[in-house]
């Protein structure tokens, strides 16, 4: 399966189709909060991160790993959990996203890009 880079919008149905191709209930993604783009459908968040760096010129410090659950609503739809989020030099020492401002940027981007 190829990694899909989204720069505009994606529907929940398309997300579910991506989920069905790999994990069934979730889509792993890497989101560049500076460029406002997202790479979807990788087996590992690191693969999506590499795709953004190589193909889109993203900087590692702007990329965060998330999981999207297409069948879920509200807070259960978006999960901040990825090894690529470990960025001690930037102050993020967990697999989550510790900075509330960064979490908010991610949430707003996802809300803008994913059509219900």
Foldseek 3Di string as FASTA:
>chain_A
DDKDKDQAADELVRQQVLCVVAPRFKKKWKAQLVSLMMIINDPARVVRVVCCCVPVVGDLVRIFIWMAGSVDDDPVGIFRAHPSQCDVVVPRHHRGPPDPVSVVSVVVSNVRHYDD
